[in-house]
Amino acid sequence: MNRPNGATTPTALVEGIFGVSSAPADANISNFTPTLSKIRMHVGESTDFVFYGLNQYGLVVNSALSGVAISGAANIGSLSGYTFTASTKGAADITATYGGKSSVIKVVVE
């Protein structure tokens, strides 16, 4: 409990944030981003990639974007769909491409 200065009753504290966007409704995907930009994992572990579709204002309009092409990191593991499985220690980049735009995910296998 929060009892500053040895008080006998707790002090009520509240923190919050309220945000309002003035951007108009826009469900068209104009950019994308992976949920993870850097991954640290061990040999034998697997991780699934998830991508967000963003509109022109940077707001998430799709929280499980499909149709993203991913490639790379063949020297430290294998890709199957959106799943990467680590097989060798090292570091590499995985490149994700959607709608002519690319994003890089750094992978470190320990």
PDB file of N, CA and C in Angstrom:
ATOM      1  N   MET A   1       0.822  -1.185   0.000  1.00  0.00           N
ATOM      2  CA  MET A   1       0.000   0.000   0.000  1.00  0.00           C
ATOM      3  C   MET A   1       0.865   1.248   0.000  1.00  0.00           C
ATOM      4  N   ASN A   2       0.336   2.278  -0.538  1.00  0.00           N
ATOM      5  CA  ASN A   2       1.050   3.540  -0.608  1.00  0.00           C
ATOM      6  C   ASN A   2       0.754   4.361   0.646  1.00  0.00           C
ATOM      7  N   ARG A   3       1.722   4.402   1.551  1.00  0.00           N
ATOM      8  CA  ARG A   3       1.567   5.170   2.793  1.00  0.00           C
ATOM      9  C   ARG A   3       2.779   6.082   2.969  1.00  0.00           C
ATOM     10  N   PRO A   4       2.806   7.194   2.259  1.00  0.00           N
ATOM     11  CA  PRO A   4       3.952   8.087   2.367  1.00  0.00           C
ATOM     12  C   PRO A   4       4.037   8.734   3.748  1.00  0.00           C
ATOM     13  N   ASN A   5       5.246   8.997   4.178  1.00  0.00           N
ATOM     14  CA  ASN A   5       5.513   9.679   5.450  1.00  0.00           C
ATOM     15  C   ASN A   5       4.927   8.961   6.654  1.00  0.00           C
ATOM     16  N   GLY A   6       4.768   7.638   6.568  1.00  0.00           N
ATOM     17  CA  GLY A   6       4.287   6.875   7.708  1.00  0.00           C
ATOM     18  C   GLY A   6       2.828   7.101   8.044  1.00  0.00           C
ATOM     19  N   ALA A   7       2.044   7.584   7.120  1.00  0.00           N
ATOM     20  CA  ALA A   7       0.620   7.823   7.372  1.00  0.00           C
ATOM     21  C   ALA A   7      -0.078   6.515   7.719  1.00  0.00           C
ATOM     22  N   THR A   8      -1.189   6.619   8.389  1.00  0.00           N
ATOM     23  CA  THR A   8      -1.924   5.419   8.798  1.00  0.00           C
ATOM     24  C   THR A   8      -2.939   4.976   7.764  1.00  0.00           C
ATOM     25  N   THR A   9      -3.254   5.827   6.819  1.00  0.00           N
ATOM     26  CA  THR A   9      -4.201   5.439   5.766  1.00  0.00           C
ATOM     27  C   THR A   9      -3.525   5.576   4.411  1.00  0.00           C
ATOM     28  N   PRO A  10      -3.903   4.715   3.475  1.00  0.00           N
ATOM     29  CA  PRO A  10      -3.290   4.798   2.146  1.00  0.00           C
ATOM     30  C   PRO A  10      -3.711   6.065   1.411  1.00  0.00           C
ATOM     31  N   THR A  11      -2.828   6.543   0.576  1.00  0.00           N
ATOM     32  CA  THR A  11      -3.111   7.701  -0.256  1.00  0.00           C
ATOM     33  C   THR A  11      -3.612   7.219  -1.610  1.00  0.00           C
ATOM     34  N   ALA A  12      -4.727   7.742  -2.050  1.00  0.00           N
ATOM     35  CA  ALA A  12      -5.288   7.346  -3.339  1.00  0.00           C
ATOM     36  C   ALA A  12      -4.521   8.041  -4.457  1.00  0.00           C
ATOM     37  N   LEU A  13      -3.998   7.250  -5.364  1.00  0.00           N
ATOM     38  CA  LEU A  13      -3.283   7.784  -6.518  1.00  0.00           C
ATOM     39  C   LEU A  13      -3.884   7.191  -7.781  1.00  0.00           C
ATOM     40  N   VAL A  14      -4.041   8.002  -8.778  1.00  0.00           N
ATOM     41  CA  VAL A  14      -4.574   7.533 -10.050  1.00  0.00           C
ATOM     42  C   VAL A  14      -3.742   8.133 -11.163  1.00  0.00           C
ATOM     43  N   GLU A  15      -3.358   7.285 -12.108  1.00  0.00           N
ATOM     44  CA  GLU A  15      -2.667   7.767 -13.291  1.00  0.00           C
ATOM     45  C   GLU A  15      -3.420   7.259 -14.501  1.00  0.00           C
ATOM     46  N   GLY A  16      -3.461   8.029 -15.534  1.00  0.00           N
ATOM     47  CA  GLY A  16      -4.147   7.595 -16.739  1.00  0.00           C
ATOM     48  C   GLY A  16      -3.787   8.481 -17.905  1.00  0.00           C
ATOM     49  N   ILE A  17      -4.205   8.030 -19.049  1.00  0.00           N
ATOM     50  CA  ILE A  17      -3.994   8.806 -20.264  1.00  0.00           C
ATOM     51  C   ILE A  17      -5.230   8.640 -21.133  1.00  0.00           C
ATOM     52  N   PHE A  18      -5.640   9.704 -21.740  1.00  0.00           N
ATOM     53  CA  PHE A  18      -6.798   9.678 -22.616  1.00  0.00           C
ATOM     54  C   PHE A  18      -6.381  10.333 -23.921  1.00  0.00           C
ATOM     55  N   GLY A  19      -6.518   9.607 -24.992  1.00  0.00           N
ATOM     56  CA  GLY A  19      -6.111  10.138 -26.284  1.00  0.00           C
ATOM     57  C   GLY A  19      -7.275  10.202 -27.250  1.00  0.00           C
ATOM     58  N   VAL A  20      -7.301  11.224 -28.042  1.00  0.00           N
ATOM     59  CA  VAL A  20      -8.337  11.387 -29.048  1.00  0.00           C
ATOM     60  C   VAL A  20      -7.648  11.676 -30.373  1.00  0.00           C
ATOM     61  N   SER A  21      -8.065  10.962 -31.398  1.00  0.00           N
ATOM     62  CA  SER A  21      -7.499  11.190 -32.724  1.00  0.00           C
ATOM     63  C   SER A  21      -8.465  12.015 -33.554  1.00  0.00           C
ATOM     64  N   SER A  22      -7.935  12.982 -34.249  1.00  0.00           N
ATOM     65  CA  SER A  22      -8.770  13.783 -35.138  1.00  0.00           C
ATOM     66  C   SER A  22      -8.704  13.264 -36.571  1.00  0.00           C
ATOM     67  N   ALA A  23      -8.013  12.132 -36.764  1.00  0.00           N
ATOM     68  CA  ALA A  23      -7.902  11.548 -38.105  1.00  0.00           C
ATOM     69  C   ALA A  23      -9.251  10.983 -38.530  1.00  0.00           C
ATOM     70  N   PRO A  24      -9.647  11.202 -39.772  1.00  0.00           N
ATOM     71  CA  PRO A  24     -10.911  10.631 -40.249  1.00  0.00           C
ATOM     72  C   PRO A  24     -10.808   9.113 -40.365  1.00  0.00           C
ATOM     73  N   ALA A  25     -11.953   8.466 -40.409  1.00  0.00           N
ATOM     74  CA  ALA A  25     -11.983   7.006 -40.551  1.00  0.00           C
ATOM     75  C   ALA A  25     -11.301   6.610 -41.856  1.00  0.00           C
ATOM     76  N   ASP A  26     -10.390   5.650 -41.774  1.00  0.00           N
ATOM     77  CA  ASP A  26      -9.655   5.193 -42.951  1.00  0.00           C
ATOM     78  C   ASP A  26      -9.222   3.758 -42.706  1.00  0.00           C
ATOM     79  N   ALA A  27      -9.834   2.813 -43.405  1.00  0.00           N
ATOM     80  CA  ALA A  27      -9.521   1.394 -43.214  1.00  0.00           C
ATOM     81  C   ALA A  27      -8.556   0.871 -44.274  1.00  0.00           C
ATOM     82  N   ASN A  28      -8.045   1.739 -45.138  1.00  0.00           N
ATOM     83  CA  ASN A  28      -7.110   1.310 -46.179  1.00  0.00           C
ATOM     84  C   ASN A  28      -5.708   1.154 -45.597  1.00  0.00           C
ATOM     85  N   ILE A  29      -5.081   0.024 -45.891  1.00  0.00           N
ATOM     86  CA  ILE A  29      -3.731  -0.234 -45.398  1.00  0.00           C
ATOM     87  C   ILE A  29      -2.725   0.444 -46.322  1.00  0.00           C
ATOM     88  N   SER A  30      -1.937   1.355 -45.762  1.00  0.00           N
ATOM     89  CA  SER A  30      -0.924   2.044 -46.559  1.00  0.00           C
ATOM     90  C   SER A  30       0.491   1.715 -46.098  1.00  0.00           C
ATOM     91  N   ASN A  31       0.607   1.032 -44.946  1.00  0.00           N
ATOM     92  CA  ASN A  31       1.910   0.645 -44.429  1.00  0.00           C
ATOM     93  C   ASN A  31       1.715  -0.548 -43.506  1.00  0.00           C
ATOM     94  N   PHE A  32       2.797  -1.155 -43.086  1.00  0.00           N
ATOM     95  CA  PHE A  32       2.699  -2.277 -42.159  1.00  0.00           C
ATOM     96  C   PHE A  32       3.899  -2.262 -41.232  1.00  0.00           C
ATOM     97  N   THR A  33       3.788  -2.979 -40.132  1.00  0.00           N
ATOM     98  CA  THR A  33       4.897  -3.086 -39.188  1.00  0.00           C
ATOM     99  C   THR A  33       4.832  -4.433 -38.481  1.00  0.00           C
ATOM    100  N   PRO A  34       5.983  -5.045 -38.241  1.00  0.00           N
ATOM    101  CA  PRO A  34       5.980  -6.279 -37.444  1.00  0.00           C
ATOM    102  C   PRO A  34       5.789  -5.925 -35.966  1.00  0.00           C
ATOM    103  N   THR A  35       5.207  -6.846 -35.201  1.00  0.00           N
ATOM    104  CA  THR A  35       5.045  -6.591 -33.768  1.00  0.00           C
ATOM    105  C   THR A  35       6.387  -6.634 -33.057  1.00  0.00           C
ATOM    106  N   LEU A  36       7.355  -7.344 -33.622  1.00  0.00           N
ATOM    107  CA  LEU A  36       8.696  -7.440 -33.045  1.00  0.00           C
ATOM    108  C   LEU A  36       9.711  -6.923 -34.053  1.00  0.00           C
ATOM    109  N   SER A  37      10.639  -6.084 -33.615  1.00  0.00           N
ATOM    110  CA  SER A  37      11.682  -5.611 -34.526  1.00  0.00           C
ATOM    111  C   SER A  37      13.010  -6.308 -34.262  1.00  0.00           C
ATOM    112  N   LYS A  38      13.141  -6.924 -33.075  1.00  0.00           N
ATOM    113  CA  LYS A  38      14.346  -7.678 -32.743  1.00  0.00           C
ATOM    114  C   LYS A  38      13.941  -8.857 -31.873  1.00  0.00           C
ATOM    115  N   ILE A  39      14.498 -10.026 -32.191  1.00  0.00           N
ATOM    116  CA  ILE A  39      14.164 -11.244 -31.457  1.00  0.00           C
ATOM    117  C   ILE A  39      15.449 -11.888 -30.981  1.00  0.00           C
ATOM    118  N   ARG A  40      15.468 -12.294 -29.725  1.00  0.00           N
ATOM    119  CA  ARG A  40      16.573 -13.052 -29.151  1.00  0.00           C
ATOM    120  C   ARG A  40      16.002 -14.407 -28.770  1.00  0.00           C
ATOM    121  N   MET A  41      16.618 -15.476 -29.274  1.00  0.00           N
ATOM    122  CA  MET A  41      16.103 -16.811 -29.001  1.00  0.00           C
ATOM    123  C   MET A  41      17.230 -17.818 -28.895  1.00  0.00           C
ATOM    124  N   HIS A  42      16.894 -19.041 -28.511  1.00  0.00           N
ATOM    125  CA  HIS A  42      17.874 -20.112 -28.365  1.00  0.00           C
ATOM    126  C   HIS A  42      17.685 -21.139 -29.475  1.00  0.00           C
ATOM    127  N   VAL A  43      18.736 -21.893 -29.747  1.00  0.00           N
ATOM    128  CA  VAL A  43      18.673 -22.961 -30.750  1.00  0.00           C
ATOM    129  C   VAL A  43      17.527 -23.902 -30.380  1.00  0.00           C
ATOM    130  N   GLY A  44      16.718 -24.244 -31.368  1.00  0.00           N
ATOM    131  CA  GLY A  44      15.581 -25.142 -31.166  1.00  0.00           C
ATOM    132  C   GLY A  44      14.269 -24.433 -30.892  1.00  0.00           C
ATOM    133  N   GLU A  45      14.313 -23.154 -30.549  1.00  0.00           N
ATOM    134  CA  GLU A  45      13.086 -22.400 -30.284  1.00  0.00           C
ATOM    135  C   GLU A  45      12.466 -21.904 -31.583  1.00  0.00           C
ATOM    136  N   SER A  46      11.156 -21.686 -31.531  1.00  0.00           N
ATOM    137  CA  SER A  46      10.422 -21.135 -32.669  1.00  0.00           C
ATOM    138  C   SER A  46       9.680 -19.881 -32.228  1.00  0.00           C
ATOM    139  N   THR A  47       9.444 -19.007 -33.173  1.00  0.00           N
ATOM    140  CA  THR A  47       8.645 -17.814 -32.902  1.00  0.00           C
ATOM    141  C   THR A  47       7.756 -17.541 -34.101  1.00  0.00           C
ATOM    142  N   ASP A  48       6.576 -17.024 -33.835  1.00  0.00           N
ATOM    143  CA  ASP A  48       5.630 -16.674 -34.893  1.00  0.00           C
ATOM    144  C   ASP A  48       5.642 -15.168 -35.093  1.00  0.00           C
ATOM    145  N   PHE A  49       5.672 -14.750 -36.339  1.00  0.00           N
ATOM    146  CA  PHE A  49       5.648 -13.330 -36.657  1.00  0.00           C
ATOM    147  C   PHE A  49       4.209 -12.875 -36.852  1.00  0.00           C
ATOM    148  N   VAL A  50       3.911 -11.694 -36.334  1.00  0.00           N
ATOM    149  CA  VAL A  50       2.606 -11.063 -36.505  1.00  0.00           C
ATOM    150  C   VAL A  50       2.867  -9.664 -37.047  1.00  0.00           C
ATOM    151  N   PHE A  51       2.038  -9.247 -37.981  1.00  0.00           N
ATOM    152  CA  PHE A  51       2.216  -7.942 -38.615  1.00  0.00           C
ATOM    153  C   PHE A  51       0.942  -7.120 -38.473  1.00  0.00           C
ATOM    154  N   TYR A  52       1.119  -5.817 -38.238  1.00  0.00           N
ATOM    155  CA  TYR A  52      -0.002  -4.890 -38.161  1.00  0.00           C
ATOM    156  C   TYR A  52      -0.113  -4.129 -39.477  1.00  0.00           C
ATOM    157  N   GLY A  53      -1.334  -3.979 -39.974  1.00  0.00           N
ATOM    158  CA  GLY A  53      -1.597  -3.119 -41.117  1.00  0.00           C
ATOM    159  C   GLY A  53      -1.962  -1.733 -40.611  1.00  0.00           C
ATOM    160  N   LEU A  54      -1.297  -0.713 -41.138  1.00  0.00           N
ATOM    161  CA  LEU A  54      -1.505   0.663 -40.685  1.00  0.00           C
ATOM    162  C   LEU A  54      -2.129   1.501 -41.791  1.00  0.00           C
ATOM    163  N   ASN A  55      -2.995   2.435 -41.407  1.00  0.00           N
ATOM    164  CA  ASN A  55      -3.536   3.345 -42.413  1.00  0.00           C
ATOM    165  C   ASN A  55      -2.584   4.530 -42.597  1.00  0.00           C
ATOM    166  N   GLN A  56      -2.979   5.493 -43.409  1.00  0.00           N
ATOM    167  CA  GLN A  56      -2.089   6.616 -43.717  1.00  0.00           C
ATOM    168  C   GLN A  56      -1.784   7.495 -42.503  1.00  0.00           C
ATOM    169  N   TYR A  57      -2.561   7.344 -41.439  1.00  0.00           N
ATOM    170  CA  TYR A  57      -2.336   8.130 -40.225  1.00  0.00           C
ATOM    171  C   TYR A  57      -1.521   7.364 -39.183  1.00  0.00           C
ATOM    172  N   GLY A  58      -1.117   6.131 -39.525  1.00  0.00           N
ATOM    173  CA  GLY A  58      -0.331   5.320 -38.605  1.00  0.00           C
ATOM    174  C   GLY A  58      -1.157   4.554 -37.596  1.00  0.00           C
ATOM    175  N   LEU A  59      -2.469   4.524 -37.781  1.00  0.00           N
ATOM    176  CA  LEU A  59      -3.346   3.793 -36.872  1.00  0.00           C
ATOM    177  C   LEU A  59      -3.488   2.348 -37.338  1.00  0.00           C
ATOM    178  N   VAL A  60      -3.549   1.414 -36.393  1.00  0.00           N
ATOM    179  CA  VAL A  60      -3.689  -0.002 -36.723  1.00  0.00           C
ATOM    180  C   VAL A  60      -5.107  -0.258 -37.218  1.00  0.00           C
ATOM    181  N   VAL A  61      -5.212  -0.778 -38.444  1.00  0.00           N
ATOM    182  CA  VAL A  61      -6.517  -1.136 -39.000  1.00  0.00           C
ATOM    183  C   VAL A  61      -6.640  -2.638 -39.211  1.00  0.00           C
ATOM    184  N   ASN A  62      -5.526  -3.368 -39.037  1.00  0.00           N
ATOM    185  CA  ASN A  62      -5.540  -4.826 -39.130  1.00  0.00           C
ATOM    186  C   ASN A  62      -4.460  -5.347 -38.188  1.00  0.00           C
ATOM    187  N   SER A  63      -4.872  -6.073 -37.147  1.00  0.00           N
ATOM    188  CA  SER A  63      -3.909  -6.530 -36.143  1.00  0.00           C
ATOM    189  C   SER A  63      -3.341  -7.911 -36.437  1.00  0.00           C
ATOM    190  N   ALA A  64      -3.729  -8.506 -37.552  1.00  0.00           N
ATOM    191  CA  ALA A  64      -3.181  -9.805 -37.961  1.00  0.00           C
ATOM    192  C   ALA A  64      -3.099  -9.820 -39.485  1.00  0.00           C
ATOM    193  N   LEU A  65      -2.259  -8.949 -40.016  1.00  0.00           N
ATOM    194  CA  LEU A  65      -2.133  -8.772 -41.459  1.00  0.00           C
ATOM    195  C   LEU A  65      -1.603 -10.034 -42.122  1.00  0.00           C
ATOM    196  N   SER A  66      -2.265 -10.481 -43.170  1.00  0.00           N
ATOM    197  CA  SER A  66      -1.785 -11.636 -43.934  1.00  0.00           C
ATOM    198  C   SER A  66      -1.303 -11.154 -45.297  1.00  0.00           C
ATOM    199  N   GLY A  67      -0.622 -12.021 -46.016  1.00  0.00           N
ATOM    200  CA  GLY A  67      -0.100 -11.651 -47.322  1.00  0.00           C
ATOM    201  C   GLY A  67       1.271 -11.018 -47.273  1.00  0.00           C
ATOM    202  N   VAL A  68       1.904 -11.045 -46.104  1.00  0.00           N
ATOM    203  CA  VAL A  68       3.253 -10.500 -45.954  1.00  0.00           C
ATOM    204  C   VAL A  68       4.246 -11.573 -46.375  1.00  0.00           C
ATOM    205  N   ALA A  69       5.167 -11.232 -47.268  1.00  0.00           N
ATOM    206  CA  ALA A  69       6.214 -12.170 -47.698  1.00  0.00           C
ATOM    207  C   ALA A  69       7.422 -11.982 -46.789  1.00  0.00           C
ATOM    208  N   ILE A  70       7.926 -13.090 -46.221  1.00  0.00           N
ATOM    209  CA  ILE A  70       9.110 -12.994 -45.365  1.00  0.00           C
ATOM    210  C   ILE A  70      10.199 -13.914 -45.886  1.00  0.00           C
ATOM    211  N   SER A  71      11.437 -13.453 -45.761  1.00  0.00           N
ATOM    212  CA  SER A  71      12.573 -14.243 -46.245  1.00  0.00           C
ATOM    213  C   SER A  71      13.825 -13.852 -45.470  1.00  0.00           C
ATOM    214  N   GLY A  72      14.823 -14.729 -45.556  1.00  0.00           N
ATOM    215  CA  GLY A  72      16.112 -14.440 -44.933  1.00  0.00           C
ATOM    216  C   GLY A  72      16.415 -15.348 -43.765  1.00  0.00           C
ATOM    217  N   ALA A  73      17.566 -15.137 -43.162  1.00  0.00           N
ATOM    218  CA  ALA A  73      18.044 -15.851 -41.972  1.00  0.00           C
ATOM    219  C   ALA A  73      18.213 -17.347 -42.193  1.00  0.00           C
ATOM    220  N   ALA A  74      18.418 -17.778 -43.438  1.00  0.00           N
ATOM    221  CA  ALA A  74      18.582 -19.208 -43.721  1.00  0.00           C
ATOM    222  C   ALA A  74      19.851 -19.767 -43.086  1.00  0.00           C
ATOM    223  N   ASN A  75      20.814 -18.894 -42.776  1.00  0.00           N
ATOM    224  CA  ASN A  75      22.064 -19.353 -42.166  1.00  0.00           C
ATOM    225  C   ASN A  75      21.921 -19.694 -40.681  1.00  0.00           C
ATOM    226  N   ILE A  76      20.829 -19.275 -40.041  1.00  0.00           N
ATOM    227  CA  ILE A  76      20.650 -19.571 -38.612  1.00  0.00           C
ATOM    228  C   ILE A  76      19.344 -20.303 -38.300  1.00  0.00           C
ATOM    229  N   GLY A  77      18.519 -20.546 -39.305  1.00  0.00           N
ATOM    230  CA  GLY A  77      17.258 -21.231 -39.045  1.00  0.00           C
ATOM    231  C   GLY A  77      16.419 -21.354 -40.294  1.00  0.00           C
ATOM    232  N   SER A  78      15.148 -21.707 -40.099  1.00  0.00           N
ATOM    233  CA  SER A  78      14.261 -21.912 -41.241  1.00  0.00           C
ATOM    234  C   SER A  78      12.927 -21.208 -41.027  1.00  0.00           C
ATOM    235  N   LEU A  79      12.337 -20.802 -42.138  1.00  0.00           N
ATOM    236  CA  LEU A  79      11.031 -20.160 -42.133  1.00  0.00           C
ATOM    237  C   LEU A  79      10.002 -21.108 -42.718  1.00  0.00           C
ATOM    238  N   SER A  80       8.848 -21.175 -42.084  1.00  0.00           N
ATOM    239  CA  SER A  80       7.717 -21.933 -42.604  1.00  0.00           C
ATOM    240  C   SER A  80       6.480 -21.091 -42.339  1.00  0.00           C
ATOM    241  N   GLY A  81       5.938 -20.506 -43.390  1.00  0.00           N
ATOM    242  CA  GLY A  81       4.843 -19.561 -43.194  1.00  0.00           C
ATOM    243  C   GLY A  81       5.364 -18.357 -42.438  1.00  0.00           C
ATOM    244  N   TYR A  82       4.724 -18.031 -41.311  1.00  0.00           N
ATOM    245  CA  TYR A  82       5.168 -16.913 -40.475  1.00  0.00           C
ATOM    246  C   TYR A  82       5.927 -17.395 -39.245  1.00  0.00           C
ATOM    247  N   THR A  83       6.403 -18.646 -39.264  1.00  0.00           N
ATOM    248  CA  THR A  83       7.127 -19.215 -38.129  1.00  0.00           C
ATOM    249  C   THR A  83       8.604 -19.372 -38.460  1.00  0.00           C
ATOM    250  N   PHE A  84       9.463 -18.878 -37.564  1.00  0.00           N
ATOM    251  CA  PHE A  84      10.903 -19.045 -37.706  1.00  0.00           C
ATOM    252  C   PHE A  84      11.374 -19.997 -36.619  1.00  0.00           C
ATOM    253  N   THR A  85      12.179 -21.002 -37.010  1.00  0.00           N
ATOM    254  CA  THR A  85      12.758 -21.952 -36.067  1.00  0.00           C
ATOM    255  C   THR A  85      14.269 -21.822 -36.115  1.00  0.00           C
ATOM    256  N   ALA A  86      14.878 -21.559 -34.967  1.00  0.00           N
ATOM    257  CA  ALA A  86      16.326 -21.366 -34.872  1.00  0.00           C
ATOM    258  C   ALA A  86      17.038 -22.710 -34.854  1.00  0.00           C
ATOM    259  N   SER A  87      18.119 -22.827 -35.656  1.00  0.00           N
ATOM    260  CA  SER A  87      18.864 -24.087 -35.703  1.00  0.00           C
ATOM    261  C   SER A  87      20.357 -23.916 -35.416  1.00  0.00           C
ATOM    262  N   THR A  88      20.886 -22.701 -35.556  1.00  0.00           N
ATOM    263  CA  THR A  88      22.313 -22.445 -35.376  1.00  0.00           C
ATOM    264  C   THR A  88      22.508 -21.092 -34.701  1.00  0.00           C
ATOM    265  N   LYS A  89      23.499 -20.995 -33.823  1.00  0.00           N
ATOM    266  CA  LYS A  89      23.805 -19.715 -33.183  1.00  0.00           C
ATOM    267  C   LYS A  89      24.292 -18.712 -34.221  1.00  0.00           C
ATOM    268  N   GLY A  90      23.906 -17.465 -34.032  1.00  0.00           N
ATOM    269  CA  GLY A  90      24.337 -16.410 -34.937  1.00  0.00           C
ATOM    270  C   GLY A  90      23.314 -15.293 -34.988  1.00  0.00           C
ATOM    271  N   ALA A  91      23.507 -14.380 -35.927  1.00  0.00           N
ATOM    272  CA  ALA A  91      22.595 -13.249 -36.096  1.00  0.00           C
ATOM    273  C   ALA A  91      22.302 -13.066 -37.576  1.00  0.00           C
ATOM    274  N   ALA A  92      21.093 -12.650 -37.875  1.00  0.00           N
ATOM    275  CA  ALA A  92      20.692 -12.427 -39.265  1.00  0.00           C
ATOM    276  C   ALA A  92      19.467 -11.518 -39.292  1.00  0.00           C
ATOM    277  N   ASP A  93      19.131 -11.073 -40.484  1.00  0.00           N
ATOM    278  CA  ASP A  93      17.946 -10.244 -40.689  1.00  0.00           C
ATOM    279  C   ASP A  93      16.895 -11.033 -41.452  1.00  0.00           C
ATOM    280  N   ILE A  94      15.645 -10.839 -41.061  1.00  0.00           N
ATOM    281  CA  ILE A  94      14.517 -11.358 -41.822  1.00  0.00           C
ATOM    282  C   ILE A  94      13.838 -10.148 -42.438  1.00  0.00           C
ATOM    283  N   THR A  95      13.610 -10.205 -43.732  1.00  0.00           N
ATOM    284  CA  THR A  95      12.966  -9.105 -44.436  1.00  0.00           C
ATOM    285  C   THR A  95      11.512  -9.454 -44.693  1.00  0.00           C
ATOM    286  N   ALA A  96      10.629  -8.555 -44.295  1.00  0.00           N
ATOM    287  CA  ALA A  96       9.198  -8.714 -44.528  1.00  0.00           C
ATOM    288  C   ALA A  96       8.774  -7.675 -45.561  1.00  0.00           C
ATOM    289  N   THR A  97       7.980  -8.106 -46.543  1.00  0.00           N
ATOM    290  CA  THR A  97       7.550  -7.207 -47.612  1.00  0.00           C
ATOM    291  C   THR A  97       6.039  -7.289 -47.785  1.00  0.00           C
ATOM    292  N   TYR A  98       5.415  -6.122 -47.907  1.00  0.00           N
ATOM    293  CA  TYR A  98       3.965  -6.058 -48.128  1.00  0.00           C
ATOM    294  C   TYR A  98       3.658  -4.774 -48.889  1.00  0.00           C
ATOM    295  N   GLY A  99       2.917  -4.889 -49.956  1.00  0.00           N
ATOM    296  CA  GLY A  99       2.501  -3.708 -50.711  1.00  0.00           C
ATOM    297  C   GLY A  99       3.640  -2.853 -51.211  1.00  0.00           C
ATOM    298  N   GLY A 100       4.768  -3.479 -51.561  1.00  0.00           N
ATOM    299  CA  GLY A 100       5.913  -2.739 -52.064  1.00  0.00           C
ATOM    300  C   GLY A 100       6.771  -2.099 -50.983  1.00  0.00           C
ATOM    301  N   LYS A 101       6.424  -2.291 -49.723  1.00  0.00           N
ATOM    302  CA  LYS A 101       7.209  -1.737 -48.615  1.00  0.00           C
ATOM    303  C   LYS A 101       7.864  -2.869 -47.848  1.00  0.00           C
ATOM    304  N   SER A 102       9.024  -2.601 -47.272  1.00  0.00           N
ATOM    305  CA  SER A 102       9.785  -3.630 -46.558  1.00  0.00           C
ATOM    306  C   SER A 102      10.088  -3.200 -45.133  1.00  0.00           C
ATOM    307  N   SER A 103      10.263  -4.202 -44.288  1.00  0.00           N
ATOM    308  CA  SER A 103      10.643  -3.992 -42.899  1.00  0.00           C
ATOM    309  C   SER A 103      11.615  -5.096 -42.514  1.00  0.00           C
ATOM    310  N   VAL A 104      12.571  -4.790 -41.653  1.00  0.00           N
ATOM    311  CA  VAL A 104      13.586  -5.768 -41.260  1.00  0.00           C
ATOM    312  C   VAL A 104      13.384  -6.156 -39.797  1.00  0.00           C
ATOM    313  N   ILE A 105      13.467  -7.460 -39.543  1.00  0.00           N
ATOM    314  CA  ILE A 105      13.408  -7.996 -38.185  1.00  0.00           C
ATOM    315  C   ILE A 105      14.777  -8.591 -37.882  1.00  0.00           C
ATOM    316  N   LYS A 106      15.430  -8.093 -36.850  1.00  0.00           N
ATOM    317  CA  LYS A 106      16.746  -8.601 -36.437  1.00  0.00           C
ATOM    318  C   LYS A 106      16.538  -9.857 -35.592  1.00  0.00           C
ATOM    319  N   VAL A 107      17.279 -10.930 -35.917  1.00  0.00           N
ATOM    320  CA  VAL A 107      17.178 -12.187 -35.176  1.00  0.00           C
ATOM    321  C   VAL A 107      18.554 -12.552 -34.634  1.00  0.00           C
ATOM    322  N   VAL A 108      18.615 -12.831 -33.339  1.00  0.00           N
ATOM    323  CA  VAL A 108      19.845 -13.280 -32.690  1.00  0.00           C
ATOM    324  C   VAL A 108      19.543 -14.626 -32.041  1.00  0.00           C
ATOM    325  N   VAL A 109      20.330 -15.639 -32.419  1.00  0.00           N
ATOM    326  CA  VAL A 109      20.170 -16.975 -31.847  1.00  0.00           C
ATOM    327  C   VAL A 109      21.370 -17.239 -30.954  1.00  0.00           C
ATOM    328  N   GLU A 110      21.101 -17.572 -29.705  1.00  0.00           N
ATOM    329  CA  GLU A 110      22.168 -17.806 -28.725  1.00  0.00           C
ATOM    330  C   GLU A 110      22.298 -19.282 -28.427  1.00  0.00           C
TER     331      GLU A 110
END
